[in-house]
C-alpha atoms as a PDB file:
ATOM      1  CA  MET A   1    -116.596  -7.134  -5.455  1.00  0.00           C
ATOM      2  CA  GLU A   2    -114.786  -3.810  -5.550  1.00  0.00           C
ATOM      3  CA  HIS A   3    -116.793  -0.842  -6.741  1.00  0.00           C
ATOM      4  CA  ILE A   4    -116.320   2.891  -6.975  1.00  0.00           C
ATOM      5  CA  CYS A   5    -118.201   5.062  -4.482  1.00  0.00           C
ATOM      6  CA  THR A   6    -120.259   8.003  -5.601  1.00  0.00           C
ATOM      7  CA  ALA A   7    -119.718  11.295  -3.796  1.00  0.00           C
ATOM      8  CA  ALA A   8    -122.807  10.701  -1.688  1.00  0.00           C
ATOM      9  CA  GLU A   9    -121.681   7.197  -0.765  1.00  0.00           C
ATOM     10  CA  ALA A  10    -118.226   8.382   0.197  1.00  0.00           C
ATOM     11  CA  SER A  11    -119.314  10.697   3.028  1.00  0.00           C
ATOM     12  CA  PRO A  12    -117.295   9.566   6.064  1.00  0.00           C
ATOM     13  CA  ALA A  13    -120.060  10.808   8.354  1.00  0.00           C
ATOM     14  CA  ALA A  14    -122.541   8.319   6.858  1.00  0.00           C
ATOM     15  CA  LYS A  15    -123.973   5.819   9.314  1.00  0.00           C
ATOM     16  CA  ALA A  16    -124.066   2.209   8.181  1.00  0.00           C
ATOM     17  CA  VAL A  17    -125.359  -1.094   9.507  1.00  0.00           C
ATOM     18  CA  PHE A  18    -124.055  -4.349   8.061  1.00  0.00           C
ATOM     19  CA  PHE A  19    -125.524  -7.775   8.745  1.00  0.00           C
ATOM     20  CA  ASP A  20    -124.010 -11.234   8.734  1.00  0.00           C
ATOM     21  CA  VAL A  21    -126.024 -13.768   6.701  1.00  0.00           C
ATOM     22  CA  ASP A  22    -125.886 -17.339   8.064  1.00  0.00           C
ATOM     23  CA  ASP A  23    -127.908 -17.668  11.272  1.00  0.00           C
ATOM     24  CA  THR A  24    -128.283 -13.891  11.437  1.00  0.00           C
ATOM     25  CA  LEU A  25    -130.631 -13.155   8.547  1.00  0.00           C
ATOM     26  CA  TYR A  26    -132.175 -16.640   8.557  1.00  0.00           C
ATOM     27  CA  ASP A  27    -132.320 -19.792  10.673  1.00  0.00           C
ATOM     28  CA  HIS A  28    -129.205 -21.763   9.739  1.00  0.00           C
ATOM     29  CA  LEU A  29    -130.148 -24.657  12.027  1.00  0.00           C
ATOM     30  CA  THR A  30    -133.219 -25.769  10.071  1.00  0.00           C
ATOM     31  CA  PRO A  31    -131.401 -26.878   6.875  1.00  0.00           C
ATOM     32  CA  LEU A  32    -128.871 -28.821   8.963  1.00  0.00           C
ATOM     33  CA  ARG A  33    -131.478 -30.576  11.082  1.00  0.00           C
ATOM     34  CA  GLU A  34    -133.630 -31.500   8.084  1.00  0.00           C
ATOM     35  CA  ALA A  35    -130.624 -32.808   6.142  1.00  0.00           C
ATOM     36  CA  LEU A  36    -129.578 -35.063   9.006  1.00  0.00           C
ATOM     37  CA  ILE A  37    -133.085 -36.387   9.621  1.00  0.00           C
ATOM     38  CA  GLN A  38    -134.087 -36.859   5.997  1.00  0.00           C
ATOM     39  CA  ARG A  39    -130.824 -38.043   4.440  1.00  0.00           C
ATOM     40  CA  LEU A  40    -129.127 -39.864   7.326  1.00  0.00           C
ATOM     41  CA  HIS A  41    -132.372 -40.844   9.078  1.00  0.00           C
ATOM     42  CA  LEU A  42    -131.107 -39.685  12.444  1.00  0.00           C
ATOM     43  CA  PRO A  43    -133.644 -39.549  15.306  1.00  0.00           C
ATOM     44  CA  GLU A  44    -135.705 -36.393  15.640  1.00  0.00           C
ATOM     45  CA  THR A  45    -134.980 -36.483  19.367  1.00  0.00           C
ATOM     46  CA  LEU A  46    -131.280 -35.635  19.029  1.00  0.00           C
ATOM     47  CA  PRO A  47    -130.210 -32.246  20.493  1.00  0.00           C
ATOM     48  CA  TYR A  48    -129.920 -30.539  17.123  1.00  0.00           C
ATOM     49  CA  GLU A  49    -129.227 -27.084  18.489  1.00  0.00           C
ATOM     50  CA  GLU A  50    -126.202 -28.440  20.350  1.00  0.00           C
ATOM     51  CA  ILE A  51    -125.145 -30.370  17.252  1.00  0.00           C
ATOM     52  CA  TYR A  52    -125.467 -27.147  15.274  1.00  0.00           C
ATOM     53  CA  HIS A  53    -123.138 -25.307  17.683  1.00  0.00           C
ATOM     54  CA  ARG A  54    -120.467 -27.984  17.257  1.00  0.00           C
ATOM     55  CA  PHE A  55    -121.018 -28.139  13.509  1.00  0.00           C
ATOM     56  CA  ARG A  56    -120.387 -24.374  13.281  1.00  0.00           C
ATOM     57  CA  TYR A  57    -117.400 -24.721  15.595  1.00  0.00           C
ATOM     58  CA  TYR A  58    -115.738 -27.326  13.380  1.00  0.00           C
ATOM     59  CA  SER A  59    -116.713 -25.469  10.218  1.00  0.00           C
ATOM     60  CA  ASP A  60    -114.967 -22.323  11.481  1.00  0.00           C
ATOM     61  CA  LEU A  61    -111.998 -24.211  12.924  1.00  0.00           C
ATOM     62  CA  LEU A  62    -111.309 -26.301   9.836  1.00  0.00           C
ATOM     63  CA  SER A  63    -111.871 -23.329   7.518  1.00  0.00           C
ATOM     64  CA  ALA A  64    -109.417 -21.210   9.485  1.00  0.00           C
ATOM     65  CA  GLU A  65    -106.747 -23.918   9.263  1.00  0.00           C
ATOM     66  CA  LYS A  66    -106.524 -23.477   5.490  1.00  0.00           C
ATOM     67  CA  ASN A  67    -108.115 -20.027   5.053  1.00  0.00           C
ATOM     68  CA  LEU A  68    -111.032 -21.606   3.205  1.00  0.00           C
ATOM     69  CA  SER A  69    -113.421 -18.687   3.686  1.00  0.00           C
ATOM     70  CA  ALA A  70    -111.135 -16.435   1.675  1.00  0.00           C
ATOM     71  CA  VAL A  71    -109.121 -18.550  -0.777  1.00  0.00           C
ATOM     72  CA  PRO A  72    -110.621 -22.049  -0.919  1.00  0.00           C
ATOM     73  CA  THR A  73    -109.633 -24.934  -3.177  1.00  0.00           C
ATOM     74  CA  PRO A  74    -112.372 -27.393  -4.179  1.00  0.00           C
ATOM     75  CA  GLU A  75    -110.497 -30.319  -2.621  1.00  0.00           C
ATOM     76  CA  ASP A  76    -109.920 -28.618   0.717  1.00  0.00           C
ATOM     77  CA  MET A  77    -113.487 -27.302   0.818  1.00  0.00           C
ATOM     78  CA  ALA A  78    -114.922 -30.776   0.191  1.00  0.00           C
ATOM     79  CA  ASP A  79    -112.706 -32.260   2.899  1.00  0.00           C
ATOM     80  CA  MET A  80    -113.768 -29.605   5.416  1.00  0.00           C
ATOM     81  CA  ARG A  81    -117.443 -30.181   4.651  1.00  0.00           C
ATOM     82  CA  ARG A  82    -117.101 -33.918   5.246  1.00  0.00           C
ATOM     83  CA  ARG A  83    -115.050 -33.603   8.419  1.00  0.00           C
ATOM     84  CA  ARG A  84    -117.336 -31.058  10.097  1.00  0.00           C
ATOM     85  CA  PHE A  85    -120.261 -33.486   9.865  1.00  0.00           C
ATOM     86  CA  MET A  86    -118.202 -36.426  11.082  1.00  0.00           C
ATOM     87  CA  LEU A  87    -116.572 -34.576  13.985  1.00  0.00           C
ATOM     88  CA  ALA A  88    -119.719 -32.826  15.188  1.00  0.00           C
ATOM     89  CA  LEU A  89    -121.922 -35.914  15.114  1.00  0.00           C
ATOM     90  CA  ALA A  90    -119.255 -38.082  16.795  1.00  0.00           C
ATOM     91  CA  GLU A  91    -119.558 -35.893  19.899  1.00  0.00           C
ATOM     92  CA  PHE A  92    -123.168 -37.055  20.197  1.00  0.00           C
ATOM     93  CA  GLY A  93    -122.508 -40.737  19.604  1.00  0.00           C
ATOM     94  CA  GLU A  94    -123.444 -40.705  15.914  1.00  0.00           C
ATOM     95  CA  PHE A  95    -120.538 -42.050  13.849  1.00  0.00           C
ATOM     96  CA  ILE A  96    -120.768 -41.652  10.081  1.00  0.00           C
ATOM     97  CA  ASN A  97    -118.367 -42.419   7.237  1.00  0.00           C
ATOM     98  CA  GLU A  98    -117.191 -40.101   4.463  1.00  0.00           C
ATOM     99  CA  GLU A  99    -119.878 -41.291   2.045  1.00  0.00           C
ATOM    100  CA  GLN A 100    -122.607 -40.512   4.558  1.00  0.00           C
ATOM    101  CA  ALA A 101    -121.021 -37.147   5.293  1.00  0.00           C
ATOM    102  CA  GLU A 102    -121.065 -36.296   1.585  1.00  0.00           C
ATOM    103  CA  ALA A 103    -124.729 -37.305   1.368  1.00  0.00           C
ATOM    104  CA  ALA A 104    -125.542 -35.101   4.350  1.00  0.00           C
ATOM    105  CA  GLN A 105    -123.656 -32.205   2.777  1.00  0.00           C
ATOM    106  CA  ALA A 106    -125.565 -32.584  -0.509  1.00  0.00           C
ATOM    107  CA  ALA A 107    -128.906 -32.493   1.312  1.00  0.00           C
ATOM    108  CA  TYR A 108    -127.777 -29.612   3.495  1.00  0.00           C
ATOM    109  CA  LEU A 109    -126.734 -27.662   0.411  1.00  0.00           C
ATOM    110  CA  ASP A 110    -130.112 -28.193  -1.264  1.00  0.00           C
ATOM    111  CA  MET A 111    -132.029 -27.106   1.812  1.00  0.00           C
ATOM    112  CA  GLN A 112    -129.977 -23.946   2.301  1.00  0.00           C
ATOM    113  CA  PHE A 113    -131.860 -22.447  -0.623  1.00  0.00           C
ATOM    114  CA  GLN A 114    -135.285 -23.163   0.901  1.00  0.00           C
ATOM    115  CA  ILE A 115    -134.910 -20.384   3.434  1.00  0.00           C
ATOM    116  CA  LYS A 116    -136.615 -17.180   4.478  1.00  0.00           C
ATOM    117  CA  PRO A 117    -135.540 -14.250   6.660  1.00  0.00           C
ATOM    118  CA  PHE A 118    -136.071 -14.275  10.404  1.00  0.00           C
ATOM    119  CA  PRO A 119    -139.272 -12.499  11.508  1.00  0.00           C
ATOM    120  CA  GLY A 120    -138.581  -8.779  11.693  1.00  0.00           C
ATOM    121  CA  ALA A 121    -135.386  -8.827   9.619  1.00  0.00           C
ATOM    122  CA  VAL A 122    -136.805  -7.221   6.474  1.00  0.00           C
ATOM    123  CA  LYS A 123    -138.820  -4.729   8.528  1.00  0.00           C
ATOM    124  CA  LEU A 124    -135.682  -3.601  10.375  1.00  0.00           C
ATOM    125  CA  ILE A 125    -133.703  -3.207   7.166  1.00  0.00           C
ATOM    126  CA  GLN A 126    -136.470  -1.097   5.657  1.00  0.00           C
ATOM    127  CA  GLN A 127    -136.721   1.064   8.787  1.00  0.00           C
ATOM    128  CA  LEU A 128    -132.988   1.710   8.770  1.00  0.00           C
ATOM    129  CA  LYS A 129    -133.028   2.713   5.118  1.00  0.00           C
ATOM    130  CA  ASN A 130    -136.062   4.960   5.679  1.00  0.00           C
ATOM    131  CA  HIS A 131    -133.974   6.857   8.244  1.00  0.00           C
ATOM    132  CA  GLY A 132    -131.100   7.337   5.816  1.00  0.00           C
ATOM    133  CA  ILE A 133    -128.931   4.546   7.230  1.00  0.00           C
ATOM    134  CA  ARG A 134    -126.912   2.567   4.712  1.00  0.00           C
ATOM    135  CA  VAL A 135    -127.462  -1.178   4.980  1.00  0.00           C
ATOM    136  CA  GLY A 136    -125.218  -3.937   3.690  1.00  0.00           C
ATOM    137  CA  LEU A 137    -124.203  -7.569   4.164  1.00  0.00           C
ATOM    138  CA  ILE A 138    -120.842  -9.087   5.106  1.00  0.00           C
ATOM    139  CA  THR A 139    -120.562 -12.869   5.011  1.00  0.00           C
ATOM    140  CA  ASN A 140    -117.926 -15.587   4.930  1.00  0.00           C
ATOM    141  CA  GLY A 141    -117.854 -18.290   2.289  1.00  0.00           C
ATOM    142  CA  PRO A 142    -117.430 -18.945  -1.429  1.00  0.00           C
ATOM    143  CA  GLU A 143    -118.806 -15.969  -3.338  1.00  0.00           C
ATOM    144  CA  GLU A 144    -121.145 -17.819  -5.705  1.00  0.00           C
ATOM    145  CA  HIS A 145    -122.564 -19.971  -2.908  1.00  0.00           C
ATOM    146  CA  GLN A 146    -123.209 -17.094  -0.516  1.00  0.00           C
ATOM    147  CA  LEU A 147    -124.717 -14.888  -3.203  1.00  0.00           C
ATOM    148  CA  ALA A 148    -127.095 -17.718  -4.107  1.00  0.00           C
ATOM    149  CA  LYS A 149    -128.310 -17.834  -0.490  1.00  0.00           C
ATOM    150  CA  ILE A 150    -128.667 -14.056  -0.439  1.00  0.00           C
ATOM    151  CA  LYS A 151    -130.743 -14.331  -3.606  1.00  0.00           C
ATOM    152  CA  ALA A 152    -132.876 -17.095  -2.037  1.00  0.00           C
ATOM    153  CA  LEU A 153    -133.598 -14.654   0.797  1.00  0.00           C
ATOM    154  CA  GLN A 154    -134.552 -12.021  -1.829  1.00  0.00           C
ATOM    155  CA  MET A 155    -132.209  -9.558  -0.147  1.00  0.00           C
ATOM    156  CA  GLU A 156    -131.517  -7.772  -3.416  1.00  0.00           C
ATOM    157  CA  ARG A 157    -135.037  -6.324  -3.038  1.00  0.00           C
ATOM    158  CA  TYR A 158    -134.012  -4.539   0.146  1.00  0.00           C
ATOM    159  CA  VAL A 159    -130.222  -4.086   0.075  1.00  0.00           C
ATOM    160  CA  ASP A 160    -128.052  -2.446  -2.585  1.00  0.00           C
ATOM    161  CA  GLN A 161    -126.144  -5.277  -4.255  1.00  0.00           C
ATOM    162  CA  GLN A 162    -123.029  -3.106  -4.263  1.00  0.00           C
ATOM    163  CA  LEU A 163    -123.123  -3.482  -0.488  1.00  0.00           C
ATOM    164  CA  PHE A 164    -122.884  -7.289  -0.564  1.00  0.00           C
ATOM    165  CA  PHE A 165    -119.413  -8.275   0.651  1.00  0.00           C
ATOM    166  CA  VAL A 166    -118.490 -11.974   0.494  1.00  0.00           C
ATOM    167  CA  SER A 167    -115.146 -13.125   1.858  1.00  0.00           C
ATOM    168  CA  GLY A 168    -114.504 -15.442  -1.089  1.00  0.00           C
ATOM    169  CA  GLY A 169    -114.752 -12.482  -3.453  1.00  0.00           C
ATOM    170  CA  VAL A 170    -112.811 -10.040  -1.288  1.00  0.00           C
ATOM    171  CA  GLY A 171    -109.916 -12.305  -0.290  1.00  0.00           C
ATOM    172  CA  TYR A 172    -110.191 -11.740   3.464  1.00  0.00           C
ATOM    173  CA  ALA A 173    -112.481 -13.637   5.830  1.00  0.00           C
ATOM    174  CA  LYS A 174    -113.924 -12.819   9.238  1.00  0.00           C
ATOM    175  CA  PRO A 175    -112.528 -12.510  11.877  1.00  0.00           C
ATOM    176  CA  ASP A 176    -109.739 -10.844   9.868  1.00  0.00           C
ATOM    177  CA  ALA A 177    -110.214  -7.115  10.488  1.00  0.00           C
ATOM    178  CA  ARG A 178    -109.029  -6.442   6.949  1.00  0.00           C
ATOM    179  CA  LEU A 179    -112.415  -7.571   5.618  1.00  0.00           C
ATOM    180  CA  PHE A 180    -114.139  -4.824   7.618  1.00  0.00           C
ATOM    181  CA  GLN A 181    -111.435  -2.330   6.654  1.00  0.00           C
ATOM    182  CA  HIS A 182    -112.028  -3.251   3.014  1.00  0.00           C
ATOM    183  CA  VAL A 183    -115.718  -2.450   3.465  1.00  0.00           C
ATOM    184  CA  ASN A 184    -114.822   0.941   4.952  1.00  0.00           C
ATOM    185  CA  ASN A 185    -112.456   1.668   2.078  1.00  0.00           C
ATOM    186  CA  VAL A 186    -114.940   0.693  -0.614  1.00  0.00           C
ATOM    187  CA  THR A 187    -117.926   2.482   0.930  1.00  0.00           C
ATOM    188  CA  GLY A 188    -116.069   5.557   2.186  1.00  0.00           C
ATOM    189  CA  THR A 189    -117.361   5.007   5.717  1.00  0.00           C
ATOM    190  CA  LEU A 190    -115.493   5.278   9.019  1.00  0.00           C
ATOM    191  CA  PRO A 191    -115.266   2.414  11.544  1.00  0.00           C
ATOM    192  CA  GLU A 192    -116.783   4.548  14.301  1.00  0.00           C
ATOM    193  CA  ASN A 193    -119.893   5.075  12.165  1.00  0.00           C
ATOM    194  CA  CYS A 194    -120.388   1.406  11.306  1.00  0.00           C
ATOM    195  CA  TYR A 195    -122.463  -1.176  13.171  1.00  0.00           C
ATOM    196  CA  TYR A 196    -122.262  -4.919  12.653  1.00  0.00           C
ATOM    197  CA  VAL A 197    -124.959  -7.456  13.504  1.00  0.00           C
ATOM    198  CA  GLY A 198    -123.857 -11.081  13.689  1.00  0.00           C
ATOM    199  CA  ASP A 199    -124.380 -14.318  15.597  1.00  0.00           C
ATOM    200  CA  SER A 200    -120.876 -15.811  15.566  1.00  0.00           C
ATOM    201  CA  TRP A 201    -118.619 -14.895  18.469  1.00  0.00           C
ATOM    202  CA  ARG A 202    -115.451 -16.020  16.707  1.00  0.00           C
ATOM    203  CA  ASN A 203    -116.171 -14.368  13.365  1.00  0.00           C
ATOM    204  CA  ASP A 204    -118.567 -11.495  13.991  1.00  0.00           C
ATOM    205  CA  VAL A 205    -117.876 -10.221  17.498  1.00  0.00           C
ATOM    206  CA  VAL A 206    -114.110 -10.668  17.453  1.00  0.00           C
ATOM    207  CA  GLY A 207    -113.650  -9.497  13.866  1.00  0.00           C
ATOM    208  CA  ALA A 208    -115.801  -6.369  14.024  1.00  0.00           C
ATOM    209  CA  ILE A 209    -114.386  -5.279  17.387  1.00  0.00           C
ATOM    210  CA  ALA A 210    -110.854  -5.639  15.996  1.00  0.00           C
ATOM    211  CA  ALA A 211    -111.854  -3.334  13.134  1.00  0.00           C
ATOM    212  CA  GLY A 212    -113.194  -0.667  15.499  1.00  0.00           C
ATOM    213  CA  TRP A 213    -116.851  -1.180  14.641  1.00  0.00           C
ATOM    214  CA  THR A 214    -119.810  -1.158  17.031  1.00  0.00           C
ATOM    215  CA  VAL A 215    -120.958  -4.748  17.499  1.00  0.00           C
ATOM    216  CA  LEU A 216    -124.459  -6.068  18.134  1.00  0.00           C
ATOM    217  CA  TRP A 217    -124.170  -9.733  19.040  1.00  0.00           C
ATOM    218  CA  PHE A 218    -127.312 -11.477  17.789  1.00  0.00           C
ATOM    219  CA  ASN A 219    -127.196 -14.214  20.404  1.00  0.00           C
ATOM    220  CA  HIS A 220    -130.548 -15.831  19.685  1.00  0.00           C
ATOM    221  CA  ARG A 221    -129.126 -19.260  20.513  1.00  0.00           C
ATOM    222  CA  ARG A 222    -127.894 -18.079  23.926  1.00  0.00           C
ATOM    223  CA  ALA A 223    -124.314 -19.114  23.329  1.00  0.00           C
ATOM    224  CA  GLU A 224    -121.560 -18.433  25.838  1.00  0.00           C
ATOM    225  CA  PRO A 225    -118.816 -15.862  25.105  1.00  0.00           C
ATOM    226  CA  GLU A 226    -115.633 -17.495  23.845  1.00  0.00           C
ATOM    227  CA  SER A 227    -113.127 -14.797  24.823  1.00  0.00           C
ATOM    228  CA  GLU A 228    -112.733 -11.580  26.798  1.00  0.00           C
ATOM    229  CA  HIS A 229    -114.093  -9.429  23.960  1.00  0.00           C
ATOM    230  CA  LYS A 230    -117.051  -7.213  24.865  1.00  0.00           C
ATOM    231  CA  PRO A 231    -119.827  -6.719  22.287  1.00  0.00           C
ATOM    232  CA  HIS A 232    -121.439  -3.314  22.641  1.00  0.00           C
ATOM    233  CA  PHE A 233    -124.972  -4.729  22.604  1.00  0.00           C
ATOM    234  CA  ILE A 234    -126.562  -8.181  22.887  1.00  0.00           C
ATOM    235  CA  ALA A 235    -129.976  -9.142  21.503  1.00  0.00           C
ATOM    236  CA  ASP A 236    -131.834 -12.393  20.931  1.00  0.00           C
ATOM    237  CA  ASN A 237    -134.518 -11.205  18.499  1.00  0.00           C
ATOM    238  CA  TYR A 238    -135.061  -8.563  15.844  1.00  0.00           C
ATOM    239  CA  GLU A 239    -137.326  -6.432  17.986  1.00  0.00           C
ATOM    240  CA  GLN A 240    -134.492  -5.984  20.466  1.00  0.00           C
ATOM    241  CA  LEU A 241    -132.023  -5.289  17.650  1.00  0.00           C
ATOM    242  CA  GLY A 242    -134.349  -2.651  16.240  1.00  0.00           C
ATOM    243  CA  ASN A 243    -134.764  -0.915  19.589  1.00  0.00           C
ATOM    244  CA  MET A 244    -131.013  -0.834  20.168  1.00  0.00           C
ATOM    245  CA  LEU A 245    -130.256   0.548  16.734  1.00  0.00           C
ATOM    246  CA  LYS A 246    -133.051   3.110  17.003  1.00  0.00           C
ATOM    247  CA  LYS A 247    -131.538   4.509  20.204  1.00  0.00           C
ATOM    248  CA  GLN A 248    -128.113   4.707  18.607  1.00  0.00           C
ATOM    249  CA  LEU A 249    -128.925   5.958  15.126  1.00  0.00           C
ATOM    250  CA  TYR A 250    -132.185   7.966  15.064  1.00  0.00           C
END
């Protein structure tokens, strides 16, 4: 998604805030839970937030094994999507076969487009832009798929589409620092003037810190740190994120 900066865009002194998409702009757990309950008829009493953590863990792990977030093949992507369901659910005593995993994936995919932003997300984006802060999105995944979710969230109403960066279109995936460096190169911004908001420790915290960005860990699920990295700020709702960014930027 390379584009040419205008002179105004290229100012290295420009402040910018970029957001992750999945489970940062919207609740990523809800489509998963509903897919498992409706398609596989799993009990509503299962610990779905814990299942979600393991589902994301296996999704990231299996994707990293074959660099699927940057250069996926349809066969490898389909295999990863099946295995993440099977491996995650097995940890909770729910054993499913490949056919069931494919059915769950189909339902999960459908429900990912019935989403809306977290409370306060749009308001924060608008406030940042009103104060002259550039706002963009950086997300892992196949370009067409991620852009469809961004469209479902109606983010094109609030964020310049030239500032949508999807790993599948760029060729680098978080936590690879080159994705963030690509964003700096394309937008003419400097790492020290860029802030990144994301929920994933492995992808968002580790990747943005490696690129020299300021990191706001959106830890609304109260996850535990997975390494010795130190996010600059931690928040569990958009009001907290807004207050932190206000103190830093205006």
